[in-house]
């Protein structure tokens, strides 16, 4: 069992913790007594008493008369004289009477305002209106007017304030009906508190200086021998090894004989040097391999991006339609893809697809599928035939058993007739003449690559001038936030309907921004791919 005097923790407690505990106790006692007693005894009680006394000089029932006189009647002046006398005799800085704006307490109107003759501040004239200082004052005015309290205190001595540190006592001025008609306030500057604080700071500084000197002297003799010398040797050896990366000829345990944690640390450094020398070679090899993989993934990302149409406007010389698409992969490379291409002068091919899986395998399968679909579609066959031919070709050589969901459409640019077929993909979305987006719940066929010989059904959508087609992968409705909630088709349709009349690029950016807001800081789980086409006719 380890002896207490062999523990570096025990030695640290003896050398450092005990003096710091004593220092903390001294600071706490001095601070509590000097600051707390000075504030409570010198200011709070006195300010409230002055305010209550001054309130007896003001009649709540005569507030309207004071206001109507404009501060010039003999009655008003008699009250003002008494308040002024009390302000100066009691040592207050200000004694004033205000009426807040009862709608929101955001402004106050001064009815009486007196100032100590020795003060350098300026009093407010009768009827002066200013904004309430802050929310704290507004809340206290409200409490006084609603009868929640009979007095309120505001102490302003921290942070930025427009005057010196002061305390303000507030009491209600009530009428014979018991209702508050105005608020009488007494403000006292806290010079004495400042003096107490300054004295406290001086005492603390002197005590801390003396204790620090004593601690430094004691620690110099005590810790230098038991801690600093061994730690210095260990530090020097660690710096040397980091620079030279060669284990030392003389081990630390041969020069440091401590039996505590420092001795164990010296032994660990010796062992570490032996291991790190071997790790460096392994790390160098692993780093080079990681950099190679990272470079290849970066190149794959660029290649995949170049495989998809990414220059917009895509067909600047064609006025029959506007089109925009985007793909944001969940990893460096993804399995989603979109495509659009002119089959001939009057027909536009549209593709939206999602490959099973993610990463490099999905990206390779995606590229092969995209090229195959486009090449077959360019022969001029129908969407149904494109999907059937593509499926049969992929199934013949699909040892990895991957598959892809595909929506394929061919738009006649002269008539607006859109022929389409769906191989297990999400429903397309189109707008009608009134501009409202609707899901086209077409009949899904089986996924491409799942089984050879599958037949697909074809259907038509008639698009009129100004109507839009929106295609997407399941990464949109299945986007998930930190609470594991799905974004969902309803949210997608809501943001689409809020984008009526917008250009395709803006439509996609609105959907992407709404998905990002919903997901928040949660990681992107799936690729996010969208396409929007507006048929102009």
Protein backbone atom coordinates (compact mmCIF):
# COMPACT_ATOMS: atom_id res chain seq x y z
CA UNK A 1 0.00 0.00 0.00
CA UNK A 2 1.33 3.44 -1.00
CA UNK A 3 2.42 5.67 1.88
CA UNK A 4 0.84 9.19 1.96
CA UNK A 5 4.22 10.91 1.75
CA UNK A 6 4.95 9.02 -1.49
CA UNK A 7 1.94 10.59 -3.27
CA UNK A 8 2.45 13.71 -5.35
CA UNK A 9 -1.18 14.60 -4.64
CA UNK A 10 -0.47 14.64 -0.90
CA UNK A 11 2.61 16.81 -1.42
CA UNK A 12 0.64 19.24 -3.61
CA UNK A 13 -2.06 19.59 -0.96
CA UNK A 14 0.52 20.40 1.70
CA UNK A 15 2.41 22.88 -0.49
CA UNK A 16 -0.40 24.69 -2.33
CA UNK A 17 -3.99 23.84 -1.40
CA UNK A 18 -3.83 24.68 2.31
CA UNK A 19 -2.47 28.24 1.80
CA UNK A 20 -5.06 28.86 -0.91
CA UNK A 21 -7.88 27.69 1.38
CA UNK A 22 -6.71 30.10 4.08
CA UNK A 23 -6.53 32.90 1.50
CA UNK A 24 -10.05 32.16 0.26
CA UNK A 25 -11.48 32.18 3.79
CA UNK A 26 -9.86 35.56 4.57
CA UNK A 27 -11.13 37.14 1.33
CA UNK A 28 -14.64 35.77 1.86
CA UNK A 29 -14.93 37.06 5.45
CA UNK A 30 -13.57 40.51 4.66
CA UNK A 31 -15.72 40.84 1.53
CA UNK A 32 -18.92 39.73 3.18
CA UNK A 33 -18.63 41.96 6.22
CA UNK A 34 -17.28 45.10 4.56
CA UNK A 35 -19.43 45.20 1.46
CA UNK A 36 -22.73 43.69 2.65
CA UNK A 37 -22.91 45.52 5.99
CA UNK A 38 -21.88 48.84 4.44
CA UNK A 39 -24.54 48.71 1.72
CA UNK A 40 -27.46 47.54 3.85
CA UNK A 41 -26.87 49.77 6.86
CA UNK A 42 -25.87 53.00 5.12
CA UNK A 43 -28.26 53.14 2.19
CA UNK A 44 -31.28 50.94 1.85
CA UNK A 45 -33.01 51.64 5.14
CA UNK A 46 -32.18 55.33 5.09
CA UNK A 47 -33.38 55.85 1.53
CA UNK A 48 -36.77 54.21 2.20
CA UNK A 49 -37.29 56.28 5.35
CA UNK A 50 -36.55 59.51 3.49
CA UNK A 51 -38.96 58.49 0.71
CA UNK A 52 -41.78 57.70 3.16
CA UNK A 53 -41.24 61.02 4.93
CA UNK A 54 -41.25 62.96 1.68
CA UNK A 55 -44.40 61.18 0.47
CA UNK A 56 -46.37 62.69 3.38
CA UNK A 57 -45.74 66.16 1.93
CA UNK A 58 -47.44 65.32 -1.40
CA UNK A 59 -51.21 64.89 -1.74
CA UNK A 60 -52.23 62.14 -4.14
CA UNK A 61 -55.65 63.77 -4.59
CA UNK A 62 -54.02 67.03 -5.78
CA UNK A 63 -51.98 65.59 -8.63
CA UNK A 64 -54.36 66.95 -11.25
CA UNK A 65 -54.24 70.37 -9.60
CA UNK A 66 -50.43 70.33 -9.59
CA UNK A 67 -50.43 69.45 -13.26
CA UNK A 68 -53.05 72.06 -14.22
CA UNK A 69 -51.09 74.82 -12.50
CA UNK A 70 -48.07 74.05 -14.65
CA UNK A 71 -45.88 74.02 -11.58
CA UNK A 72 -46.53 77.71 -10.79
CA UNK A 73 -49.27 77.75 -8.16
CA UNK A 74 -48.55 78.69 -4.57
CA UNK A 75 -49.76 75.28 -3.43
CA UNK A 76 -47.33 73.58 -5.83
CA UNK A 77 -44.46 75.80 -4.70
CA UNK A 78 -45.15 75.09 -1.03
CA UNK A 79 -44.91 71.33 -1.68
CA UNK A 80 -41.77 71.78 -3.79
CA UNK A 81 -40.16 73.86 -1.01
CA UNK A 82 -40.78 71.13 1.57
CA UNK A 83 -39.36 68.46 -0.73
CA UNK A 84 -36.32 70.63 -1.45
CA UNK A 85 -35.74 71.20 2.25
CA UNK A 86 -36.01 67.46 2.97
CA UNK A 87 -33.67 66.63 0.09
CA UNK A 88 -30.94 68.89 1.42
CA UNK A 89 -31.39 68.16 5.11
CA UNK A 90 -31.45 64.38 4.65
CA UNK A 91 -28.41 64.26 2.40
CA UNK A 92 -30.28 62.89 -0.64
CA UNK A 93 -29.10 63.70 -4.15
CA UNK A 94 -32.57 63.89 -5.73
CA UNK A 95 -36.14 63.88 -4.45
CA UNK A 96 -38.65 63.77 -7.29
CA UNK A 97 -42.25 62.82 -8.07
CA UNK A 98 -43.14 61.16 -11.37
CA UNK A 99 -46.16 59.81 -13.21
CA UNK A 100 -45.36 56.87 -15.55
CA UNK A 101 -47.18 56.22 -18.81
CA UNK A 102 -49.52 53.49 -17.54
CA UNK A 103 -49.93 51.88 -20.99
CA UNK A 104 -46.43 50.38 -20.98
CA UNK A 105 -44.46 52.30 -18.33
CA UNK A 106 -41.97 53.22 -21.07
CA UNK A 107 -42.01 56.99 -20.30
CA UNK A 108 -42.22 59.09 -17.12
CA UNK A 109 -43.33 62.68 -16.54
CA UNK A 110 -41.71 64.75 -13.79
CA UNK A 111 -44.10 66.72 -11.52
CA UNK A 112 -41.62 67.62 -8.78
CA UNK A 113 -37.85 67.56 -8.96
CA UNK A 114 -35.46 68.80 -6.26
CA UNK A 115 -31.71 68.44 -6.04
CA UNK A 116 -29.15 68.73 -3.28
CA UNK A 117 -27.42 72.09 -3.43
CA UNK A 118 -24.02 70.42 -3.13
CA UNK A 119 -24.70 68.14 -6.07
CA UNK A 120 -23.27 68.81 -9.52
CA UNK A 121 -26.29 67.27 -11.27
CA UNK A 122 -29.17 69.20 -12.85
CA UNK A 123 -32.77 68.77 -11.77
CA UNK A 124 -35.63 68.16 -14.21
CA UNK A 125 -38.19 70.90 -14.93
CA UNK A 126 -41.90 70.46 -14.30
CA UNK A 127 -43.56 68.39 -17.03
CA UNK A 128 -40.30 67.01 -18.42
CA UNK A 129 -40.87 63.64 -20.13
CA UNK A 130 -38.17 61.05 -20.66
CA UNK A 131 -37.87 57.33 -21.39
CA UNK A 132 -37.85 54.90 -18.48
CA UNK A 133 -34.26 53.93 -17.69
CA UNK A 134 -34.63 50.17 -18.20
CA UNK A 135 -36.94 47.17 -17.79
CA UNK A 136 -36.10 46.93 -14.07
CA UNK A 137 -37.55 50.40 -13.46
CA UNK A 138 -40.63 49.64 -15.58
CA UNK A 139 -41.36 46.52 -13.56
CA UNK A 140 -41.02 48.38 -10.24
CA UNK A 141 -43.31 51.22 -11.44
CA UNK A 142 -45.89 48.61 -12.38
CA UNK A 143 -45.66 46.87 -8.98
CA UNK A 144 -46.18 50.16 -7.16
CA UNK A 145 -49.17 51.18 -9.29
CA UNK A 146 -50.82 47.80 -9.06
CA UNK A 147 -50.40 47.68 -5.28
CA UNK A 148 -48.12 44.67 -5.37
CA UNK A 149 -45.61 46.42 -3.09
CA UNK A 150 -45.41 49.52 -0.90
CA UNK A 151 -41.77 50.33 -1.65
CA UNK A 152 -39.13 49.39 -4.19
CA UNK A 153 -35.34 49.69 -4.21
CA UNK A 154 -33.03 50.00 -7.23
CA UNK A 155 -29.27 49.76 -6.70
CA UNK A 156 -27.16 50.80 -9.70
CA UNK A 157 -23.48 50.20 -9.18
CA UNK A 158 -22.46 47.61 -11.76
CA UNK A 159 -21.71 47.82 -15.44
CA UNK A 160 -22.25 50.97 -17.49
CA UNK A 161 -24.51 53.60 -15.88
CA UNK A 162 -24.91 57.26 -16.77
CA UNK A 163 -24.30 58.54 -13.21
CA UNK A 164 -22.19 57.59 -10.24
CA UNK A 165 -23.18 54.54 -8.20
CA UNK A 166 -26.46 55.28 -6.40
CA UNK A 167 -29.53 53.80 -4.75
CA UNK A 168 -33.10 54.85 -5.54
CA UNK A 169 -36.00 54.26 -3.14
CA UNK A 170 -39.57 54.45 -4.54
CA UNK A 171 -42.87 54.68 -2.66
CA UNK A 172 -46.40 55.22 -4.02
CA UNK A 173 -48.25 58.52 -3.54
CA UNK A 174 -51.86 57.44 -2.99
CA UNK A 175 -55.14 59.27 -2.99
CA UNK A 176 -57.92 58.92 -0.48
CA UNK A 177 -59.39 56.18 -2.68
CA UNK A 178 -56.31 54.06 -1.98
CA UNK A 179 -55.14 54.18 -5.59
CA UNK A 180 -51.59 55.14 -6.55
CA UNK A 181 -51.54 58.58 -8.24
CA UNK A 182 -47.79 59.07 -8.59
CA UNK A 183 -44.44 57.69 -7.42
CA UNK A 184 -42.05 59.54 -5.12
CA UNK A 185 -38.39 58.67 -5.59
CA UNK A 186 -35.32 59.39 -3.48
CA UNK A 187 -31.88 58.95 -5.01
CA UNK A 188 -28.73 58.84 -2.93
CA UNK A 189 -25.22 58.61 -4.32
CA UNK A 190 -23.16 55.88 -2.68
CA UNK A 191 -19.88 57.66 -1.93
CA UNK A 192 -19.55 55.84 1.36
CA UNK A 193 -20.05 52.49 -0.35
CA UNK A 194 -17.33 53.40 -2.82
CA UNK A 195 -15.03 54.21 0.08
CA UNK A 196 -15.84 50.86 1.71
CA UNK A 197 -15.09 49.08 -1.53
CA UNK A 198 -11.82 50.92 -2.04
CA UNK A 199 -10.77 50.11 1.50
CA UNK A 200 -11.77 46.50 0.99
CA UNK A 201 -9.75 46.28 -2.22
CA UNK A 202 -6.70 47.77 -0.54
CA UNK A 203 -6.93 45.34 2.35
CA UNK A 204 -7.42 42.36 0.05
CA UNK A 205 -4.52 43.43 -2.13
CA UNK A 206 -2.22 43.86 0.83
CA UNK A 207 -3.21 40.53 2.36
CA UNK A 208 -2.93 38.68 -0.96
CA UNK A 209 0.45 40.26 -1.66
CA UNK A 210 1.77 39.15 1.70
CA UNK A 211 0.36 35.64 1.30
CA UNK A 212 1.69 35.31 -2.25
CA UNK A 213 5.17 36.28 -1.09
CA UNK A 214 5.03 33.74 1.71
CA UNK A 215 3.65 31.03 -0.59
CA UNK A 216 6.30 31.68 -3.25
CA UNK A 217 9.09 31.46 -0.71
CA UNK A 218 7.70 28.30 0.86
CA UNK A 219 7.01 26.62 -2.48
CA UNK A 220 10.45 27.51 -3.79
CA UNK A 221 12.12 25.49 -1.07
CA UNK A 222 9.53 22.76 -0.73
CA UNK A 223 8.47 22.02 -4.31
CA UNK A 224 11.77 22.61 -6.01
CA UNK A 225 13.24 19.49 -4.52
CA UNK A 226 10.26 17.14 -4.64
CA UNK A 227 8.58 18.26 -7.86
CA UNK A 228 10.34 20.84 -9.99
CA UNK A 229 13.71 19.15 -10.44
CA UNK A 230 12.23 15.78 -11.52
CA UNK A 231 9.61 17.46 -13.72
CA UNK A 232 12.29 19.60 -15.36
CA UNK A 233 14.25 16.49 -16.29
CA UNK A 234 11.15 14.85 -17.67
CA UNK A 235 10.23 18.00 -19.65
CA UNK A 236 13.73 18.38 -21.09
CA UNK A 237 13.75 14.74 -22.16
CA UNK A 238 10.29 15.06 -23.77
CA UNK A 239 11.42 18.17 -25.70
CA UNK A 240 14.60 16.42 -26.82
CA UNK A 241 12.75 13.33 -27.97
CA UNK A 242 10.15 15.42 -29.85
CA UNK A 243 13.00 17.14 -31.66
CA UNK A 244 15.28 14.17 -32.35
CA UNK A 245 12.77 11.27 -32.31
CA UNK A 246 15.50 8.99 -30.92
CA UNK A 247 15.19 7.19 -27.54
CA UNK A 248 17.63 8.40 -24.85
CA UNK A 249 20.75 6.39 -24.06
CA UNK A 250 20.25 6.97 -20.31
CA UNK A 251 16.73 6.20 -19.10
CA UNK A 252 14.84 8.69 -16.90
CA UNK A 253 14.26 6.01 -14.28
CA UNK A 254 18.02 5.80 -13.79
CA UNK A 255 18.22 9.47 -12.67
CA UNK A 256 14.78 9.98 -11.06
CA UNK A 257 14.35 7.82 -7.96
CA UNK A 258 10.93 9.10 -6.86
CA UNK A 259 8.46 6.43 -5.79
CA UNK A 260 5.37 8.61 -6.32
CA UNK A 261 3.47 9.52 -9.50
CA UNK A 262 6.49 11.40 -10.85
CA UNK A 263 8.55 8.22 -10.73
CA UNK A 264 5.78 6.40 -12.60
CA UNK A 265 5.66 9.25 -15.13
CA UNK A 266 9.41 8.91 -15.76
CA UNK A 267 8.95 5.19 -16.40
CA UNK A 268 6.05 5.91 -18.76
CA UNK A 269 8.20 8.38 -20.73
CA UNK A 270 10.90 5.74 -21.14
CA UNK A 271 8.31 3.23 -22.37
CA UNK A 272 6.67 5.81 -24.62
CA UNK A 273 9.94 6.65 -26.35
CA UNK A 274 10.46 3.00 -27.23
CA UNK A 275 6.93 2.68 -28.63
CA UNK A 276 6.77 6.02 -30.46
CA UNK A 277 9.95 5.23 -32.38
CA UNK A 278 8.09 2.27 -33.92
CA UNK A 279 4.84 4.16 -34.31
CA UNK A 280 6.48 6.93 -36.35
CA UNK A 281 7.29 4.58 -39.18
CA UNK A 282 3.78 3.11 -39.12
CA UNK A 283 2.20 6.56 -38.98
CA UNK A 284 4.26 7.81 -41.91
CA UNK A 285 3.04 4.91 -44.02
CA UNK A 286 -0.59 5.31 -42.88
CA UNK A 287 -0.56 9.09 -43.51
CA UNK A 288 0.70 8.64 -47.04
CA UNK A 289 -2.06 6.08 -47.71
CA UNK A 290 -4.73 8.35 -46.23
CA UNK A 291 -3.58 11.27 -48.37
CA UNK A 292 -3.73 9.05 -51.45
CA UNK A 293 -7.29 7.94 -50.63
CA UNK A 294 -8.34 11.52 -49.89
CA UNK A 295 -6.91 12.68 -53.22
CA UNK A 296 -8.71 9.90 -55.08
CA UNK A 297 -12.02 10.68 -53.34
CA UNK A 298 -11.66 14.34 -54.20
CA UNK A 299 -11.00 13.41 -57.81
CA UNK A 300 -14.02 11.06 -57.76
CA UNK A 301 -16.20 13.90 -56.44
CA UNK A 302 -15.15 16.15 -59.31
CA UNK A 303 -15.63 13.38 -61.86
CA UNK A 304 -19.12 12.62 -60.56
CA UNK A 305 -20.07 16.31 -60.57
CA UNK A 306 -18.83 16.61 -64.17
CA UNK A 307 -20.91 13.59 -65.16
CA UNK A 308 -24.10 15.50 -64.33
CA UNK A 309 -25.32 18.54 -66.28
CA UNK A 310 -24.04 21.43 -64.18
CA UNK A 311 -23.87 24.46 -66.47
CA UNK A 312 -26.91 26.72 -66.24
CA UNK A 313 -28.74 27.94 -68.19
CA UNK A 314 -28.41 24.52 -69.79
CA UNK A 315 -30.01 25.43 -73.15
CA UNK A 316 -29.77 29.22 -73.49
CA UNK A 317 -31.01 29.12 -77.11
CA UNK A 318 -34.24 27.26 -76.23
CA UNK A 319 -37.15 29.38 -75.02
CA UNK A 320 -39.67 26.53 -74.67
CA UNK A 321 -38.49 25.63 -71.16
CA UNK A 322 -36.31 26.58 -68.20
CA UNK A 323 -34.57 23.87 -66.16
CA UNK A 324 -32.38 23.69 -63.06
CA UNK A 325 -31.07 20.75 -60.99
CA UNK A 326 -28.78 20.12 -58.01
CA UNK A 327 -27.21 17.16 -56.19
CA UNK A 328 -25.71 17.33 -52.67
CA UNK A 329 -24.10 13.98 -51.73
CA UNK A 330 -24.13 12.74 -48.12
CA UNK A 331 -20.54 11.53 -48.52
CA UNK A 332 -17.70 12.56 -50.83
CA UNK A 333 -19.51 10.81 -53.66
CA UNK A 334 -23.13 9.76 -53.81
CA UNK A 335 -25.56 7.40 -55.53
CA UNK A 336 -28.25 9.91 -56.57
CA UNK A 337 -28.21 11.33 -60.06
CA UNK A 338 -30.29 13.47 -62.36
CA UNK A 339 -30.02 13.99 -66.10
CA UNK A 340 -31.65 15.97 -68.88
CA UNK A 341 -30.83 15.90 -72.57
CA UNK A 342 -32.36 16.70 -75.95
CA UNK A 343 -33.30 13.50 -77.76
CA UNK A 344 -34.05 15.50 -80.90
CA UNK A 345 -35.08 19.06 -81.63
CA UNK A 346 -38.56 18.61 -80.14
CA UNK A 347 -38.10 16.09 -77.31
CA UNK A 348 -36.39 16.53 -73.94
CA UNK A 349 -35.39 13.55 -71.79
CA UNK A 350 -35.65 13.91 -67.99
CA UNK A 351 -34.19 11.46 -65.44
CA UNK A 352 -34.22 11.33 -61.62
CA UNK A 353 -32.65 8.28 -59.95
CA UNK A 354 -31.40 6.93 -56.63
CA UNK A 355 -28.88 4.06 -56.39
CA UNK A 356 -28.97 1.74 -53.38
CA UNK A 357 -26.14 2.39 -50.93
CA UNK A 358 -23.71 5.27 -50.67
CA UNK A 359 -20.08 6.07 -51.30
CA UNK A 360 -17.81 4.90 -54.11
CA UNK A 361 -19.72 1.67 -55.05
CA UNK A 362 -22.97 3.62 -55.42
CA UNK A 363 -21.20 6.32 -57.44
CA UNK A 364 -19.77 3.76 -59.89
CA UNK A 365 -23.17 2.06 -60.27
CA UNK A 366 -24.73 5.51 -60.73
CA UNK A 367 -22.37 6.43 -63.56
CA UNK A 368 -22.98 3.18 -65.40
CA UNK A 369 -26.78 3.51 -64.99
CA UNK A 370 -26.81 7.13 -66.15
CA UNK A 371 -24.82 6.42 -69.30
CA UNK A 372 -26.93 3.39 -70.14
CA UNK A 373 -30.28 5.19 -69.64
CA UNK A 374 -29.21 8.17 -71.75
CA UNK A 375 -27.80 6.06 -74.58
CA UNK A 376 -30.96 3.97 -74.84
CA UNK A 377 -33.24 7.03 -74.61
CA UNK A 378 -31.34 8.74 -77.46
CA UNK A 379 -32.43 5.92 -79.78
CA UNK A 380 -35.93 7.44 -79.67
CA UNK A 381 -37.79 4.61 -77.90
CA UNK A 382 -40.50 5.23 -75.28
CA UNK A 383 -39.78 5.69 -71.52
CA UNK A 384 -41.21 2.23 -70.86
CA UNK A 385 -38.85 0.63 -73.36
CA UNK A 386 -35.87 2.58 -71.98
CA UNK A 387 -36.48 1.23 -68.48
CA UNK A 388 -37.10 -2.33 -69.64
CA UNK A 389 -33.94 -2.43 -71.79
CA UNK A 390 -31.82 -0.83 -69.05
CA UNK A 391 -33.14 -3.27 -66.43
CA UNK A 392 -32.39 -6.34 -68.55
CA UNK A 393 -28.85 -5.19 -69.34
CA UNK A 394 -28.03 -4.41 -65.70
CA UNK A 395 -29.51 -7.67 -64.39
CA UNK A 396 -27.31 -9.71 -66.71
CA UNK A 397 -24.14 -8.54 -64.96
CA UNK A 398 -25.15 -7.41 -61.45
CA UNK A 399 -23.16 -9.69 -59.17
CA UNK A 400 -23.20 -7.14 -56.35
CA UNK A 401 -27.04 -7.13 -56.47
CA UNK A 402 -27.27 -3.35 -56.46
CA UNK A 403 -30.35 -1.58 -57.79
CA UNK A 404 -31.52 1.88 -58.74
CA UNK A 405 -34.92 3.60 -58.61
CA UNK A 406 -35.60 5.68 -61.73
CA UNK A 407 -38.23 8.14 -62.91
CA UNK A 408 -37.90 8.80 -66.64
CA UNK A 409 -39.91 11.27 -68.70
CA UNK A 410 -39.80 12.48 -72.30
CA UNK A 411 -41.36 15.93 -72.88
CA UNK A 412 -42.69 16.93 -76.30
CA UNK A 413 -41.61 20.59 -76.41
CA UNK A 414 -44.22 21.41 -79.08
CA UNK A 415 -47.33 20.10 -77.33
CA UNK A 416 -46.35 19.88 -73.66
CA UNK A 417 -47.16 16.15 -73.54
CA UNK A 418 -44.92 14.38 -71.04
CA UNK A 419 -44.64 10.59 -71.34
CA UNK A 420 -43.19 8.95 -68.24
CA UNK A 421 -42.47 5.66 -66.50
CA UNK A 422 -41.52 4.99 -62.88
CA UNK A 423 -39.21 2.23 -61.62
CA UNK A 424 -39.81 2.37 -57.88
CA UNK A 425 -38.96 6.08 -57.52
CA UNK A 426 -40.67 8.94 -55.62
CA UNK A 427 -43.85 10.49 -57.04
CA UNK A 428 -43.24 13.45 -59.36
CA UNK A 429 -44.81 16.83 -58.57
CA UNK A 430 -46.44 19.11 -61.17
CA UNK A 431 -48.34 22.39 -61.18
CA UNK A 432 -51.61 23.05 -62.84
CA UNK A 433 -52.97 26.23 -64.43
CA UNK A 434 -53.78 27.75 -61.04
CA UNK A 435 -50.13 27.29 -60.00
CA UNK A 436 -50.67 24.80 -57.14
CA UNK A 437 -48.21 21.89 -56.91
CA UNK A 438 -49.72 18.40 -56.79
CA UNK A 439 -48.26 14.91 -56.40
CA UNK A 440 -48.74 12.64 -59.40
CA UNK A 441 -49.33 9.28 -57.74
CA UNK A 442 -48.26 7.14 -60.66
CA UNK A 443 -48.03 3.35 -60.55
CA UNK A 444 -44.53 2.27 -59.53
CA UNK A 445 -42.77 -0.51 -61.36
CA UNK A 446 -40.01 -2.67 -59.85
CA UNK A 447 -36.57 -1.17 -59.29
CA UNK A 448 -33.94 -1.35 -62.04
CA UNK A 449 -31.51 -4.23 -61.41
CA UNK A 450 -33.84 -6.20 -59.18
CA UNK A 451 -35.18 -8.82 -61.60
CA UNK A 452 -34.79 -9.44 -65.31
CA UNK A 453 -37.82 -9.32 -67.61
CA UNK A 454 -39.83 -6.73 -65.64
CA UNK A 455 -42.46 -4.77 -67.61
CA UNK A 456 -43.10 -1.09 -66.86
CA UNK A 457 -46.22 0.98 -67.36
CA UNK A 458 -46.18 4.30 -69.15
CA UNK A 459 -48.46 7.28 -68.54
CA UNK A 460 -48.87 10.85 -69.79
CA UNK A 461 -48.95 14.25 -68.12
CA UNK A 462 -50.21 17.25 -70.06
CA UNK A 463 -48.26 20.43 -69.23
CA UNK A 464 -49.48 23.88 -70.14
CA UNK A 465 -47.48 27.09 -70.50
CA UNK A 466 -46.12 28.26 -67.13
CA UNK A 467 -46.59 24.89 -65.42
CA UNK A 468 -43.68 23.26 -63.61
CA UNK A 469 -42.39 19.74 -62.95
CA UNK A 470 -40.48 18.98 -59.72
CA UNK A 471 -38.46 15.76 -59.33
CA UNK A 472 -36.53 14.63 -56.25
CA UNK A 473 -34.99 11.67 -54.45
CA UNK A 474 -36.01 10.29 -51.05
CA UNK A 475 -33.24 12.37 -49.43
CA UNK A 476 -35.71 15.29 -49.41
CA UNK A 477 -38.79 13.86 -47.59
CA UNK A 478 -36.60 11.55 -45.45
CA UNK A 479 -34.23 14.28 -44.23
CA UNK A 480 -34.02 13.84 -40.44
CA UNK A 481 -33.42 16.36 -37.64
CA UNK A 482 -31.76 15.85 -34.26
CA UNK A 483 -35.08 14.61 -32.76
CA UNK A 484 -35.19 11.86 -35.41
CA UNK A 485 -38.20 13.50 -37.12
CA UNK A 486 -38.65 13.22 -40.89
CA UNK A 487 -38.98 16.31 -43.07
CA UNK A 488 -41.85 14.64 -44.91
CA UNK A 489 -43.74 15.19 -48.15
CA UNK A 490 -46.21 17.64 -46.55
CA UNK A 491 -43.45 20.12 -45.64
CA UNK A 492 -41.98 19.75 -49.12
CA UNK A 493 -45.34 20.48 -50.77
CA UNK A 494 -45.91 23.47 -48.49
CA UNK A 495 -42.65 25.16 -49.45
CA UNK A 496 -43.23 24.33 -53.13
CA UNK A 497 -46.64 26.00 -53.03
CA UNK A 498 -45.07 29.05 -51.40
CA UNK A 499 -42.73 29.34 -54.42
CA UNK A 500 -45.45 29.69 -57.06
CA UNK A 501 -44.32 31.68 -60.07
CA UNK A 502 -40.61 31.49 -59.21
CA UNK A 503 -37.88 30.39 -61.58
CA UNK A 504 -36.73 26.74 -61.24
CA UNK A 505 -33.41 27.74 -59.66
CA UNK A 506 -35.17 29.74 -56.92
CA UNK A 507 -37.65 26.89 -56.32
CA UNK A 508 -34.81 24.44 -55.62
CA UNK A 509 -32.96 26.90 -53.39
CA UNK A 510 -36.13 27.51 -51.33
CA UNK A 511 -36.64 23.76 -50.80
CA UNK A 512 -32.95 23.23 -49.91
CA UNK A 513 -33.01 26.14 -47.42
CA UNK A 514 -36.20 24.82 -45.79
CA UNK A 515 -34.71 21.32 -45.45
CA UNK A 516 -31.52 22.80 -43.93
CA UNK A 517 -33.56 24.78 -41.38
CA UNK A 518 -35.49 21.65 -40.41
CA UNK A 519 -32.42 19.39 -40.14
CA UNK A 520 -30.36 21.95 -38.20
CA UNK A 521 -27.09 20.54 -36.89
CA UNK A 522 -28.01 16.90 -37.53
CA UNK A 523 -25.69 15.14 -40.03
CA UNK A 524 -26.94 14.66 -43.60
CA UNK A 525 -28.05 11.03 -43.84
CA UNK A 526 -28.82 10.71 -47.55
CA UNK A 527 -28.03 12.40 -50.86
CA UNK A 528 -30.24 15.41 -51.61
CA UNK A 529 -31.08 15.64 -55.33
CA UNK A 530 -33.73 17.81 -57.05
CA UNK A 531 -34.76 18.98 -60.53
CA UNK A 532 -37.28 21.60 -61.56
CA UNK A 533 -38.52 22.32 -65.09
CA UNK A 534 -40.85 25.11 -66.23
CA UNK A 535 -42.62 24.55 -69.53
CA UNK A 536 -43.07 27.85 -71.34
CA UNK A 537 -44.94 26.49 -74.36
